[in-house]
Amino acid sequence: MTFARSKVFVACALVAGLGLTACSKSNNEDSKQTTLTASAPATGEASTLTERNAQQRLMTNLEKNFKTAGIKAKITDIKATEVPNLYWVSLEGMSSVYATSDGKYILQGDVIRLGGKSLYNVSENLQANVTKKQFAALKAEDLLIYPAKGKAKHVIYVFTDVSCPYCHKFHEQMDEMNAKGIEVRYIAWPRGEEHMPAMEAIWCSENRREAFDLAIAGGQIPAGASCKNPVREQYQMGLNIGVNGTPGVYNAEGLYLGGYMSTDELLNRLK
């Protein structure tokens, strides 16, 4: 099951949005990151010492203000955006937010750039860059891969949960997707702690694809299968990039395509 993502269209690349929605919370309110990854601004220019200092000041101010407000959030990265004095802030276990350079305001929503023939979603592309790096770091042996028949024309990453009816519906068209050149790479994303054992059992099965297919068809998942597995790590990764439902479908560039869709709809979005 997936939830619609709200779009906030704001003239002249201003930001709108209210509230901070957390998918999970850190257990250590006082946990702090003492180092900051030096990141290039969205304009592509190299980070300067002045910019890195500005990012470090922002991190310090945000951590202080988060603690004062009782927000248990760990900052994992800060990037400058093309909008003056507005930064993209990545949070552990939460969706990313924008912050003003003084750390007094955080905002959620989409930043839309005007001026061209079409609207440019700054937010979507910032998140896609982060997500693409996360996907690139995944190991093939930690995924559940259904290769395309013949040469792959497209690769998609799908956050899935065997207990989700829409994931079942999506999986039922696997042969059609593969026949049309789409390689599907499943990432485990159990929607709650009660669904974690089933996904771990599938990922630990001797034949992962066979176990998943059986579960989708309504069969019994083999009991007793246990191993060191990446299910919880993949679940956390999903939280970090903003996954809030299954199936969550992304292209290889890290762009979110949507939830359940037919094969033809998927191909249209992959163009």
Protein backbone atom coordinates (compact mmCIF):
# COMPACT_ATOMS: atom_id res chain seq x y z
CA MET A 1 0.00 0.00 0.00
CA THR A 2 1.27 3.47 -0.74
CA PHE A 3 0.21 6.97 0.18
CA ALA A 4 -0.05 9.92 -2.20
CA ARG A 5 2.78 12.40 -2.00
CA SER A 6 1.60 15.99 -1.66
CA LYS A 7 2.98 18.59 -4.06
CA VAL A 8 3.44 22.16 -2.94
CA PHE A 9 3.90 24.53 -5.86
CA VAL A 10 5.48 27.81 -4.84
CA ALA A 11 6.34 30.71 -7.13
CA CYS A 12 9.90 31.93 -7.53
CA ALA A 13 11.39 28.86 -5.85
CA LEU A 14 10.03 29.62 -2.38
CA VAL A 15 9.30 26.76 0.00
CA ALA A 16 6.06 25.78 1.69
CA GLY A 17 5.12 23.00 4.07
CA LEU A 18 4.26 22.43 7.69
CA GLY A 19 5.38 20.03 10.39
CA LEU A 20 8.02 17.34 10.72
CA THR A 21 6.79 13.78 10.33
CA ALA A 22 9.10 11.14 11.78
CA CYS A 23 8.95 7.50 10.71
CA SER A 24 11.16 6.52 13.63
CA LYS A 25 12.99 8.23 16.45
CA SER A 26 16.52 8.01 17.74
CA ASN A 27 16.91 6.42 21.17
CA ASN A 28 19.61 8.85 22.18
CA GLU A 29 18.48 12.47 22.30
CA ASP A 30 21.99 13.71 22.97
CA SER A 31 23.57 11.74 20.13
CA LYS A 32 25.53 14.12 17.93
CA GLN A 33 27.55 13.83 14.77
CA THR A 34 30.82 15.65 15.15
CA THR A 35 31.91 15.51 11.53
CA LEU A 36 30.23 16.88 8.45
CA THR A 37 30.51 15.47 4.96
CA ALA A 38 31.73 18.21 2.63
CA SER A 39 29.23 18.26 -0.21
CA ALA A 40 29.12 20.20 -3.43
CA PRO A 41 26.24 22.68 -3.71
CA ALA A 42 23.41 21.88 -6.11
CA THR A 43 24.94 24.37 -8.56
CA GLY A 44 27.85 21.97 -9.06
CA GLU A 45 30.47 24.38 -7.72
CA ALA A 46 33.15 23.00 -5.41
CA SER A 47 32.53 23.48 -1.70
CA THR A 48 34.62 26.31 -0.32
CA LEU A 49 35.91 26.67 3.21
CA THR A 50 33.35 29.43 3.77
CA GLU A 51 30.53 27.13 2.67
CA ARG A 52 31.74 24.27 4.86
CA ASN A 53 31.91 26.63 7.83
CA ALA A 54 28.35 27.78 7.08
CA GLN A 55 27.18 24.17 7.00
CA GLN A 56 28.94 23.42 10.28
CA ARG A 57 27.30 26.44 11.94
CA LEU A 58 23.93 25.32 10.63
CA MET A 59 24.46 21.81 12.01
CA THR A 60 25.37 23.22 15.44
CA ASN A 61 22.34 25.53 15.48
CA LEU A 62 19.95 22.83 14.29
CA GLU A 63 21.15 20.32 16.87
CA LYS A 64 20.69 22.94 19.60
CA ASN A 65 17.22 23.92 18.39
CA PHE A 66 16.15 20.29 17.90
CA LYS A 67 17.14 19.50 21.48
CA THR A 68 15.32 22.57 22.84
CA ALA A 69 12.17 21.59 20.92
CA GLY A 70 12.38 17.95 22.03
CA ILE A 71 12.94 16.68 18.48
CA LYS A 72 15.07 13.54 18.54
CA ALA A 73 16.70 13.81 15.14
CA LYS A 74 20.22 12.94 14.05
CA ILE A 75 21.62 14.97 11.16
CA THR A 76 23.52 12.83 8.65
CA ASP A 77 24.28 15.36 5.92
CA ILE A 78 23.74 18.98 4.88
CA LYS A 79 23.83 20.29 1.32
CA ALA A 80 23.48 23.80 -0.05
CA THR A 81 20.69 24.23 -2.60
CA GLU A 82 20.35 26.58 -5.54
CA VAL A 83 18.04 28.75 -3.41
CA PRO A 84 20.05 31.32 -1.41
CA ASN A 85 20.28 30.58 2.33
CA LEU A 86 18.28 27.35 2.03
CA TYR A 87 19.85 23.96 2.83
CA TRP A 88 18.84 20.34 2.30
CA VAL A 89 19.19 18.42 5.57
CA SER A 90 19.24 14.62 5.71
CA LEU A 91 18.02 13.04 8.96
CA GLU A 92 18.53 9.49 10.16
CA GLY A 93 15.30 7.50 10.02
CA MET A 94 13.29 10.50 8.81
CA SER A 95 12.51 12.23 5.56
CA SER A 96 14.87 15.07 4.62
CA VAL A 97 13.86 18.65 5.35
CA TYR A 98 14.91 22.13 4.31
CA ALA A 99 16.48 24.51 6.82
CA THR A 100 17.25 28.20 6.67
CA SER A 101 20.91 29.11 7.06
CA ASP A 102 20.41 30.32 10.65
CA GLY A 103 18.80 27.04 11.72
CA LYS A 104 15.64 28.77 12.97
CA TYR A 105 13.23 27.31 10.44
CA ILE A 106 12.72 23.84 8.98
CA LEU A 107 10.30 23.24 6.13
CA GLN A 108 8.87 20.28 4.26
CA GLY A 109 7.47 20.30 0.76
CA ASP A 110 8.68 20.76 -2.77
CA VAL A 111 10.77 23.62 -4.10
CA ILE A 112 9.74 24.36 -7.68
CA ARG A 113 11.91 26.42 -10.02
CA LEU A 114 10.08 28.59 -12.54
CA GLY A 115 11.43 30.31 -15.63
CA GLY A 116 11.53 27.46 -18.13
CA LYS A 117 8.88 25.91 -20.34
CA SER A 118 8.29 23.28 -17.68
CA LEU A 119 8.45 23.29 -13.89
CA TYR A 120 11.64 21.91 -12.35
CA ASN A 121 11.25 20.07 -9.05
CA VAL A 122 14.40 20.92 -7.10
CA SER A 123 13.38 18.74 -4.14
CA GLU A 124 12.71 15.64 -6.22
CA ASN A 125 16.12 15.81 -7.85
CA LEU A 126 17.98 16.46 -4.60
CA GLN A 127 16.38 13.36 -3.06
CA ALA A 128 16.99 11.32 -6.21
CA ASN A 129 20.73 12.03 -6.04
CA VAL A 130 20.82 10.74 -2.45
CA THR A 131 18.70 7.70 -3.29
CA LYS A 132 20.80 6.79 -6.33
CA LYS A 133 23.93 6.61 -4.15
CA GLN A 134 22.07 4.40 -1.66
CA PHE A 135 21.04 2.01 -4.45
CA ALA A 136 24.58 1.92 -5.87
CA ALA A 137 25.89 0.78 -2.48
CA LEU A 138 23.53 -2.22 -2.34
CA LYS A 139 25.00 -5.67 -3.00
CA ALA A 140 23.27 -7.90 -5.54
CA GLU A 141 23.32 -10.83 -3.12
CA ASP A 142 21.30 -8.78 -0.62
CA LEU A 143 18.48 -8.12 -3.08
CA LEU A 144 15.77 -10.26 -4.66
CA ILE A 145 16.32 -9.86 -8.40
CA TYR A 146 14.02 -10.83 -11.27
CA PRO A 147 16.08 -10.22 -14.43
CA ALA A 148 14.65 -9.05 -17.72
CA LYS A 149 14.19 -11.60 -20.48
CA GLY A 150 16.87 -10.75 -23.00
CA LYS A 151 18.69 -7.44 -22.73
CA ALA A 152 17.48 -5.25 -19.87
CA LYS A 153 16.03 -1.94 -21.06
CA HIS A 154 15.20 -0.66 -17.58
CA VAL A 155 16.15 -1.43 -13.97
CA ILE A 156 13.79 -0.59 -11.13
CA TYR A 157 14.15 -0.87 -7.36
CA VAL A 158 11.02 -1.81 -5.44
CA PHE A 159 10.52 -1.71 -1.67
CA THR A 160 8.23 -4.66 -0.96
CA ASP A 161 6.47 -6.50 1.85
CA VAL A 162 5.03 -9.97 1.35
CA SER A 163 2.05 -9.07 3.59
CA CYS A 164 1.01 -6.15 1.34
CA PRO A 165 -1.89 -6.85 -1.07
CA TYR A 166 -0.67 -4.24 -3.56
CA CYS A 167 2.77 -5.90 -3.56
CA HIS A 168 1.02 -9.16 -4.48
CA LYS A 169 -0.78 -7.41 -7.33
CA PHE A 170 2.46 -5.83 -8.54
CA HIS A 171 4.31 -9.16 -8.40
CA GLU A 172 1.61 -10.96 -10.38
CA GLN A 173 2.70 -9.04 -13.49
CA MET A 174 6.38 -9.98 -13.07
CA ASP A 175 6.50 -12.16 -16.21
CA GLU A 176 5.05 -9.31 -18.26
CA MET A 177 7.51 -6.76 -16.84
CA ASN A 178 10.48 -9.06 -17.44
CA ALA A 179 9.30 -9.85 -20.98
CA LYS A 180 9.20 -6.12 -21.75
CA GLY A 181 12.80 -5.62 -20.66
CA ILE A 182 12.33 -4.51 -17.05
CA GLU A 183 14.65 -5.92 -14.40
CA VAL A 184 13.05 -5.78 -10.95
CA ARG A 185 15.24 -5.51 -7.86
CA TYR A 186 13.28 -6.03 -4.67
CA ILE A 187 14.37 -4.43 -1.40
CA ALA A 188 12.86 -5.81 1.82
CA TRP A 189 10.62 -3.30 3.59
CA PRO A 190 8.34 -4.97 6.17
CA ARG A 191 5.71 -2.40 7.16
CA GLY A 192 5.87 -3.22 10.86
CA GLU A 193 7.74 -5.31 13.40
CA GLU A 194 5.11 -8.05 13.12
CA HIS A 195 6.02 -8.54 9.44
CA MET A 196 9.78 -8.61 10.03
CA PRO A 197 10.05 -12.41 10.72
CA ALA A 198 8.34 -13.34 7.44
CA MET A 199 10.62 -11.13 5.35
CA GLU A 200 13.70 -12.35 7.21
CA ALA A 201 12.64 -15.98 6.65
CA ILE A 202 12.30 -15.33 2.91
CA TRP A 203 15.66 -13.56 2.70
CA CYS A 204 17.28 -16.46 4.59
CA SER A 205 15.67 -19.18 2.47
CA GLU A 206 17.91 -21.41 0.38
CA ASN A 207 16.01 -20.22 -2.70
CA ARG A 208 14.89 -16.65 -2.00
CA ARG A 209 12.89 -16.22 -5.22
CA GLU A 210 11.08 -19.51 -4.77
CA ALA A 211 10.18 -18.63 -1.17
CA PHE A 212 8.92 -15.17 -2.18
CA ASP A 213 6.86 -16.56 -5.08
CA LEU A 214 5.36 -19.16 -2.74
CA ALA A 215 4.42 -16.53 -0.16
CA ILE A 216 2.85 -14.30 -2.83
CA ALA A 217 0.80 -17.27 -4.05
CA GLY A 218 -0.52 -17.78 -0.51
CA GLY A 219 1.76 -20.66 0.42
CA GLN A 220 3.45 -21.24 3.76
CA ILE A 221 6.83 -19.61 4.23
CA PRO A 222 9.39 -22.25 5.28
CA ALA A 223 9.81 -22.03 9.05
CA GLY A 224 13.09 -22.03 10.89
CA ALA A 225 15.16 -20.24 8.25
CA SER A 226 17.47 -17.78 9.97
CA CYS A 227 20.74 -16.14 9.02
CA LYS A 228 22.60 -12.87 9.10
CA ASN A 229 20.44 -10.82 6.76
CA PRO A 230 20.05 -7.22 5.52
CA VAL A 231 16.29 -6.86 6.11
CA ARG A 232 16.50 -4.40 9.01
CA GLU A 233 19.22 -2.39 7.26
CA GLN A 234 17.08 -2.18 4.12
CA TYR A 235 14.09 -1.12 6.19
CA GLN A 236 16.16 1.67 7.76
CA MET A 237 17.43 2.76 4.35
CA GLY A 238 13.83 3.05 3.18
CA LEU A 239 12.98 5.29 6.13
CA ASN A 240 16.00 7.46 5.41
CA ILE A 241 14.95 8.16 1.82
CA GLY A 242 11.30 8.74 2.67
CA VAL A 243 9.58 5.41 1.91
CA ASN A 244 6.19 5.34 3.63
CA GLY A 245 4.39 2.46 1.95
CA THR A 246 4.73 -0.54 -0.33
CA PRO A 247 5.30 -1.14 -3.10
CA GLY A 248 7.63 1.83 -3.45
CA VAL A 249 8.96 1.92 -7.01
CA TYR A 250 12.10 3.83 -8.05
CA ASN A 251 14.09 4.01 -11.26
CA ALA A 252 17.86 3.44 -11.38
CA GLU A 253 18.45 7.21 -11.12
CA GLY A 254 16.76 7.26 -7.72
CA LEU A 255 13.55 8.98 -8.84
CA TYR A 256 10.36 7.85 -7.11
CA LEU A 257 7.89 6.57 -9.72
CA GLY A 258 4.95 5.68 -7.47
CA GLY A 259 3.26 2.73 -5.83
CA TYR A 260 1.35 -0.04 -7.58
CA MET A 261 0.93 0.50 -11.32
CA SER A 262 0.32 -1.64 -14.37
CA THR A 263 3.21 -2.65 -16.62
CA ASP A 264 2.15 -0.15 -19.29
CA GLU A 265 1.92 2.65 -16.72
CA LEU A 266 5.36 1.71 -15.43
CA LEU A 267 6.87 1.75 -18.92
CA ASN A 268 5.34 5.16 -19.54
CA ARG A 269 6.96 6.55 -16.37
CA LEU A 270 10.30 5.01 -17.30
CA LYS A 271 10.45 6.94 -20.59
